[in-house]
Amino acid sequence: MKKAIASLVAVGLLGGSQAWGIPVNVTRLAGYATGDGGEFNISPVFSGGNYAPVALVNGGFETFCIQATGPGSTIDVPGHYNATLAPTPVSLGTAWLYNQFATGHLTGYDYADTGLPGSTVVNTLLGARTTTGRAASAYGLQNAIWLMEGFSGPSVDVTAATPWVNFAESSTGHTLAELEGQNNGEYQVARVVLTDDNGEPVQNMIGLVPDGGSSILLLGMGLSGVAFVSRKLRA
């Protein structure tokens, strides 16, 4: 029971205002990404999800950004930020693909190849990028996530995204339009909001949580509990 209460309080802390954000380091590793997207690494691992070893690197978890353009879509890496789990859902397709990736079950994703150099992919905005197998997988998956989050235009490489979109459609039985709908806690994936020291948003990413939407729904309760305990301690 004490462990459950502690977990609830921790989730509450993560899900409150930016003042409760957890300090994290955000990096990108050679061979894991290419261009402006691909895998990012957030450390420490704070969200409590059941990550596979292939998604845990250098003391952190591998993730993807979910904003291709617009306010709060840029981030400097390596960088030090505050991370907060947010109740705002991501798309169903993003949640399914990331769950498969983070649990090590994403068929066709080249988890093993992180050597350099490798093949070249071309983005209409970014130009030619030399990649490896994992970096190429990350590049395609990143663009699929952007597409499913509703982004389009030259910042999104639809050609690279298409195989992952097709795979998500065939595996889940959902159309692209359905996959672009909200996940509402399905697949144990939550939005991770990153802010700078001034509380300004720099990027939204994603992470696994232990029980899908339940943790997110309990965020407010967790914070209320923290406030109640604090008042009791001061009494």
Foldseek 3Di string as FASTA:
>chain_A
DVVVLVVLLLLLLQADALVSFDKWWKADDQQQAKDPWGWIWIPQDRQAFDFDPLQQDPNTGIWIFQDLDDFLAADDPRDIWTKHWYLDFAFQLLLVQVLCVRNVNNPPQCSPKRDDFAPWDQQQPRGIITHIRNRLSRLQCNLLSNVLRPDDDSSHDCVSPVVSQVVSCVVVVDHSVNRSHGNQFPNQKTKMFIDHPVSGTNTIIMDGHHRTNPSNVSNVVSNVVVVVVVVVVVD
